[in-house]
Amino acid sequence: MAVGILLLVSIFDATLGVGITQMNSMPRMVESALVISIAILYFYKVANDLSITYLDRDPVFLLSCGLLIFKSGSAMSWGIFNDALAESYDAARMCVAIILVLNTLFNVSLVYVLKRAVNR
Protein backbone atom coordinates (compact mmCIF):
# COMPACT_ATOMS: atom_id res chain seq x y z
CA MET A 1 0.00 0.00 0.00
CA ALA A 2 2.81 2.41 0.90
CA VAL A 3 4.54 1.66 -2.40
CA GLY A 4 1.35 2.47 -4.28
CA ILE A 5 0.91 5.75 -2.42
CA LEU A 6 4.51 6.71 -3.08
CA LEU A 7 4.18 5.78 -6.75
CA LEU A 8 1.03 7.88 -7.15
CA VAL A 9 2.63 10.87 -5.43
CA SER A 10 5.72 10.54 -7.63
CA ILE A 11 3.69 10.42 -10.83
CA PHE A 12 1.49 13.32 -9.72
CA ASP A 13 4.49 15.43 -8.72
CA ALA A 14 6.32 14.74 -11.99
CA THR A 15 3.33 15.46 -14.21
CA LEU A 16 1.14 18.03 -12.48
CA GLY A 17 3.41 19.24 -9.70
CA VAL A 18 6.81 20.82 -10.14
CA GLY A 19 7.53 18.80 -13.26
CA ILE A 20 10.81 17.26 -14.23
CA THR A 21 12.77 20.52 -14.37
CA GLN A 22 13.08 20.83 -10.59
CA MET A 23 14.00 18.46 -7.80
CA ASN A 24 11.02 16.26 -6.97
CA SER A 25 11.15 16.72 -3.24
CA MET A 26 7.49 15.89 -2.55
CA PRO A 27 7.92 12.11 -3.04
CA ARG A 28 10.98 12.19 -0.79
CA MET A 29 9.00 13.95 1.92
CA VAL A 30 6.09 11.50 1.60
CA GLU A 31 8.51 8.57 1.81
CA SER A 32 10.11 10.10 4.89
CA ALA A 33 6.70 10.63 6.49
CA LEU A 34 5.82 6.97 5.90
CA VAL A 35 9.09 5.76 7.43
CA ILE A 36 8.73 8.16 10.38
CA SER A 37 5.22 6.88 11.02
CA ILE A 38 6.51 3.29 11.05
CA ALA A 39 9.23 4.26 13.55
CA ILE A 40 6.70 6.04 15.77
CA LEU A 41 4.40 3.01 15.62
CA TYR A 42 7.30 0.87 16.84
CA PHE A 43 7.90 3.32 19.70
CA TYR A 44 4.21 3.04 20.59
CA LYS A 45 4.45 -0.76 20.54
CA VAL A 46 7.51 -0.73 22.79
CA ALA A 47 5.88 1.71 25.20
CA ASN A 48 2.81 -0.52 25.57
CA ASP A 49 4.64 -3.87 25.58
CA LEU A 50 7.23 -3.22 28.33
CA SER A 51 8.96 -6.56 27.67
CA ILE A 52 12.24 -4.89 26.68
CA THR A 53 14.15 -3.88 29.79
CA TYR A 54 17.13 -2.13 28.22
CA LEU A 55 16.20 -0.16 25.13
CA ASP A 56 19.82 0.60 24.27
CA ARG A 57 20.34 -3.12 23.64
CA ASP A 58 17.38 -3.52 21.31
CA PRO A 59 18.62 -3.19 17.70
CA VAL A 60 15.18 -2.38 16.27
CA PHE A 61 14.74 0.47 18.76
CA LEU A 62 18.15 1.87 17.83
CA LEU A 63 17.31 1.52 14.14
CA SER A 64 14.01 3.34 14.69
CA CYS A 65 15.83 6.18 16.47
CA GLY A 66 18.34 6.49 13.64
CA LEU A 67 15.60 6.42 11.02
CA LEU A 68 13.59 9.04 12.87
CA ILE A 69 16.52 11.45 13.07
CA PHE A 70 17.72 10.83 9.51
CA LYS A 71 14.34 10.96 7.80
CA SER A 72 13.06 14.00 9.70
CA GLY A 73 16.19 16.04 8.98
CA SER A 74 16.51 15.00 5.37
CA ALA A 75 12.79 15.55 4.69
CA MET A 76 13.12 19.09 5.96
CA SER A 77 16.20 19.69 3.82
CA TRP A 78 14.58 18.21 0.70
CA GLY A 79 11.45 20.25 1.38
CA ILE A 80 13.29 23.56 1.22
CA PHE A 81 15.76 22.52 -1.49
CA ASN A 82 13.89 24.04 -4.46
CA ASP A 83 13.35 27.33 -2.63
CA ALA A 84 16.99 27.38 -1.57
CA LEU A 85 18.08 26.67 -5.14
CA ALA A 86 15.94 29.57 -6.36
CA GLU A 87 17.65 31.79 -3.78
CA SER A 88 21.27 30.81 -4.48
CA TYR A 89 23.48 27.86 -5.20
CA ASP A 90 25.16 28.25 -1.80
CA ALA A 91 21.86 27.81 0.02
CA ALA A 92 21.15 24.67 -2.02
CA ARG A 93 24.63 23.37 -1.21
CA MET A 94 23.89 23.83 2.49
CA CYS A 95 20.75 21.72 2.13
CA VAL A 96 22.74 19.00 0.37
CA ALA A 97 25.48 19.24 3.01
CA ILE A 98 22.90 18.71 5.77
CA ILE A 99 21.57 15.66 3.92
CA LEU A 100 25.08 14.25 3.48
CA VAL A 101 25.97 14.74 7.14
CA LEU A 102 22.71 13.08 8.22
CA ASN A 103 23.38 10.24 5.79
CA THR A 104 26.86 9.70 7.24
CA LEU A 105 25.50 9.72 10.80
CA PHE A 106 22.76 7.29 9.79
CA ASN A 107 25.31 4.91 8.27
CA VAL A 108 27.36 5.10 11.47
CA SER A 109 24.23 4.29 13.46
CA LEU A 110 23.59 1.32 11.16
CA VAL A 111 27.02 -0.04 12.01
CA TYR A 112 26.19 0.36 15.71
CA VAL A 113 22.83 -1.38 15.21
CA LEU A 114 24.52 -4.27 13.40
CA LYS A 115 27.06 -4.54 16.23
CA ARG A 116 24.22 -4.71 18.74
CA ALA A 117 22.33 -7.26 16.67
CA VAL A 118 25.34 -9.58 16.44
CA ASN A 119 26.05 -9.34 20.19
CA ARG A 120 22.45 -10.14 21.00
C-alpha atoms as a PDB file:
ATOM      1  CA  MET A   1       0.000   0.000   0.000  1.00  0.00           C
ATOM      2  CA  ALA A   2       2.807   2.406   0.903  1.00  0.00           C
ATOM      3  CA  VAL A   3       4.540   1.657  -2.397  1.00  0.00           C
ATOM      4  CA  GLY A   4       1.348   2.472  -4.283  1.00  0.00           C
ATOM      5  CA  ILE A   5       0.908   5.747  -2.418  1.00  0.00           C
ATOM      6  CA  LEU A   6       4.505   6.713  -3.083  1.00  0.00           C
ATOM      7  CA  LEU A   7       4.184   5.782  -6.755  1.00  0.00           C
ATOM      8  CA  LEU A   8       1.031   7.876  -7.152  1.00  0.00           C
ATOM      9  CA  VAL A   9       2.629  10.866  -5.430  1.00  0.00           C
ATOM     10  CA  SER A  10       5.720  10.538  -7.632  1.00  0.00           C
ATOM     11  CA  ILE A  11       3.687  10.423 -10.830  1.00  0.00           C
ATOM     12  CA  PHE A  12       1.489  13.316  -9.720  1.00  0.00           C
ATOM     13  CA  ASP A  13       4.491  15.427  -8.720  1.00  0.00           C
ATOM     14  CA  ALA A  14       6.323  14.738 -11.988  1.00  0.00           C
ATOM     15  CA  THR A  15       3.332  15.461 -14.211  1.00  0.00           C
ATOM     16  CA  LEU A  16       1.138  18.032 -12.479  1.00  0.00           C
ATOM     17  CA  GLY A  17       3.410  19.241  -9.696  1.00  0.00           C
ATOM     18  CA  VAL A  18       6.814  20.822 -10.139  1.00  0.00           C
ATOM     19  CA  GLY A  19       7.533  18.797 -13.264  1.00  0.00           C
ATOM     20  CA  ILE A  20      10.815  17.260 -14.231  1.00  0.00           C
ATOM     21  CA  THR A  21      12.772  20.519 -14.367  1.00  0.00           C
ATOM     22  CA  GLN A  22      13.076  20.832 -10.589  1.00  0.00           C
ATOM     23  CA  MET A  23      14.005  18.464  -7.803  1.00  0.00           C
ATOM     24  CA  ASN A  24      11.022  16.255  -6.973  1.00  0.00           C
ATOM     25  CA  SER A  25      11.148  16.724  -3.236  1.00  0.00           C
ATOM     26  CA  MET A  26       7.493  15.886  -2.547  1.00  0.00           C
ATOM     27  CA  PRO A  27       7.918  12.106  -3.039  1.00  0.00           C
ATOM     28  CA  ARG A  28      10.982  12.188  -0.788  1.00  0.00           C
ATOM     29  CA  MET A  29       8.996  13.952   1.924  1.00  0.00           C
ATOM     30  CA  VAL A  30       6.086  11.501   1.596  1.00  0.00           C
ATOM     31  CA  GLU A  31       8.506   8.570   1.808  1.00  0.00           C
ATOM     32  CA  SER A  32      10.114  10.103   4.887  1.00  0.00           C
ATOM     33  CA  ALA A  33       6.698  10.634   6.486  1.00  0.00           C
ATOM     34  CA  LEU A  34       5.815   6.973   5.901  1.00  0.00           C
ATOM     35  CA  VAL A  35       9.090   5.762   7.430  1.00  0.00           C
ATOM     36  CA  ILE A  36       8.731   8.161  10.375  1.00  0.00           C
ATOM     37  CA  SER A  37       5.217   6.876  11.023  1.00  0.00           C
ATOM     38  CA  ILE A  38       6.514   3.288  11.050  1.00  0.00           C
ATOM     39  CA  ALA A  39       9.226   4.264  13.547  1.00  0.00           C
ATOM     40  CA  ILE A  40       6.696   6.040  15.765  1.00  0.00           C
ATOM     41  CA  LEU A  41       4.398   3.009  15.618  1.00  0.00           C
ATOM     42  CA  TYR A  42       7.296   0.868  16.837  1.00  0.00           C
ATOM     43  CA  PHE A  43       7.900   3.320  19.701  1.00  0.00           C
ATOM     44  CA  TYR A  44       4.213   3.040  20.593  1.00  0.00           C
ATOM     45  CA  LYS A  45       4.449  -0.763  20.541  1.00  0.00           C
ATOM     46  CA  VAL A  46       7.511  -0.733  22.793  1.00  0.00           C
ATOM     47  CA  ALA A  47       5.882   1.715  25.204  1.00  0.00           C
ATOM     48  CA  ASN A  48       2.814  -0.515  25.568  1.00  0.00           C
ATOM     49  CA  ASP A  49       4.641  -3.872  25.577  1.00  0.00           C
ATOM     50  CA  LEU A  50       7.226  -3.221  28.326  1.00  0.00           C
ATOM     51  CA  SER A  51       8.962  -6.560  27.668  1.00  0.00           C
ATOM     52  CA  ILE A  52      12.238  -4.893  26.678  1.00  0.00           C
ATOM     53  CA  THR A  53      14.151  -3.883  29.788  1.00  0.00           C
ATOM     54  CA  TYR A  54      17.126  -2.131  28.216  1.00  0.00           C
ATOM     55  CA  LEU A  55      16.196  -0.159  25.131  1.00  0.00           C
ATOM     56  CA  ASP A  56      19.822   0.598  24.274  1.00  0.00           C
ATOM     57  CA  ARG A  57      20.341  -3.123  23.640  1.00  0.00           C
ATOM     58  CA  ASP A  58      17.378  -3.520  21.309  1.00  0.00           C
ATOM     59  CA  PRO A  59      18.618  -3.193  17.702  1.00  0.00           C
ATOM     60  CA  VAL A  60      15.180  -2.382  16.272  1.00  0.00           C
ATOM     61  CA  PHE A  61      14.739   0.467  18.759  1.00  0.00           C
ATOM     62  CA  LEU A  62      18.146   1.867  17.831  1.00  0.00           C
ATOM     63  CA  LEU A  63      17.312   1.516  14.144  1.00  0.00           C
ATOM     64  CA  SER A  64      14.011   3.340  14.691  1.00  0.00           C
ATOM     65  CA  CYS A  65      15.827   6.175  16.471  1.00  0.00           C
ATOM     66  CA  GLY A  66      18.343   6.486  13.644  1.00  0.00           C
ATOM     67  CA  LEU A  67      15.600   6.417  11.016  1.00  0.00           C
ATOM     68  CA  LEU A  68      13.586   9.038  12.869  1.00  0.00           C
ATOM     69  CA  ILE A  69      16.519  11.454  13.070  1.00  0.00           C
ATOM     70  CA  PHE A  70      17.718  10.832   9.506  1.00  0.00           C
ATOM     71  CA  LYS A  71      14.341  10.962   7.796  1.00  0.00           C
ATOM     72  CA  SER A  72      13.065  14.003   9.697  1.00  0.00           C
ATOM     73  CA  GLY A  73      16.186  16.037   8.984  1.00  0.00           C
ATOM     74  CA  SER A  74      16.513  14.996   5.375  1.00  0.00           C
ATOM     75  CA  ALA A  75      12.791  15.550   4.692  1.00  0.00           C
ATOM     76  CA  MET A  76      13.115  19.090   5.964  1.00  0.00           C
ATOM     77  CA  SER A  77      16.197  19.688   3.821  1.00  0.00           C
ATOM     78  CA  TRP A  78      14.579  18.215   0.702  1.00  0.00           C
ATOM     79  CA  GLY A  79      11.447  20.252   1.383  1.00  0.00           C
ATOM     80  CA  ILE A  80      13.287  23.564   1.221  1.00  0.00           C
ATOM     81  CA  PHE A  81      15.760  22.524  -1.492  1.00  0.00           C
ATOM     82  CA  ASN A  82      13.887  24.037  -4.460  1.00  0.00           C
ATOM     83  CA  ASP A  83      13.350  27.326  -2.633  1.00  0.00           C
ATOM     84  CA  ALA A  84      16.990  27.379  -1.573  1.00  0.00           C
ATOM     85  CA  LEU A  85      18.080  26.675  -5.141  1.00  0.00           C
ATOM     86  CA  ALA A  86      15.941  29.567  -6.362  1.00  0.00           C
ATOM     87  CA  GLU A  87      17.645  31.790  -3.776  1.00  0.00           C
ATOM     88  CA  SER A  88      21.266  30.814  -4.478  1.00  0.00           C
ATOM     89  CA  TYR A  89      23.483  27.864  -5.198  1.00  0.00           C
ATOM     90  CA  ASP A  90      25.157  28.246  -1.800  1.00  0.00           C
ATOM     91  CA  ALA A  91      21.855  27.806   0.018  1.00  0.00           C
ATOM     92  CA  ALA A  92      21.146  24.669  -2.018  1.00  0.00           C
ATOM     93  CA  ARG A  93      24.628  23.367  -1.208  1.00  0.00           C
ATOM     94  CA  MET A  94      23.890  23.830   2.491  1.00  0.00           C
ATOM     95  CA  CYS A  95      20.748  21.716   2.127  1.00  0.00           C
ATOM     96  CA  VAL A  96      22.735  19.003   0.371  1.00  0.00           C
ATOM     97  CA  ALA A  97      25.477  19.236   3.011  1.00  0.00           C
ATOM     98  CA  ILE A  98      22.901  18.706   5.767  1.00  0.00           C
ATOM     99  CA  ILE A  99      21.568  15.659   3.922  1.00  0.00           C
ATOM    100  CA  LEU A 100      25.076  14.248   3.478  1.00  0.00           C
ATOM    101  CA  VAL A 101      25.970  14.742   7.143  1.00  0.00           C
ATOM    102  CA  LEU A 102      22.711  13.084   8.223  1.00  0.00           C
ATOM    103  CA  ASN A 103      23.385  10.241   5.785  1.00  0.00           C
ATOM    104  CA  THR A 104      26.858   9.705   7.241  1.00  0.00           C
ATOM    105  CA  LEU A 105      25.495   9.717  10.797  1.00  0.00           C
ATOM    106  CA  PHE A 106      22.757   7.294   9.789  1.00  0.00           C
ATOM    107  CA  ASN A 107      25.309   4.912   8.272  1.00  0.00           C
ATOM    108  CA  VAL A 108      27.359   5.096  11.473  1.00  0.00           C
ATOM    109  CA  SER A 109      24.227   4.295  13.462  1.00  0.00           C
ATOM    110  CA  LEU A 110      23.585   1.318  11.157  1.00  0.00           C
ATOM    111  CA  VAL A 111      27.021  -0.043  12.014  1.00  0.00           C
ATOM    112  CA  TYR A 112      26.185   0.363  15.708  1.00  0.00           C
ATOM    113  CA  VAL A 113      22.830  -1.383  15.207  1.00  0.00           C
ATOM    114  CA  LEU A 114      24.518  -4.269  13.403  1.00  0.00           C
ATOM    115  CA  LYS A 115      27.059  -4.536  16.229  1.00  0.00           C
ATOM    116  CA  ARG A 116      24.224  -4.709  18.744  1.00  0.00           C
ATOM    117  CA  ALA A 117      22.325  -7.261  16.671  1.00  0.00           C
ATOM    118  CA  VAL A 118      25.343  -9.575  16.436  1.00  0.00           C
ATOM    119  CA  ASN A 119      26.046  -9.340  20.186  1.00  0.00           C
ATOM    120  CA  ARG A 120      22.450 -10.143  21.005  1.00  0.00           C
END
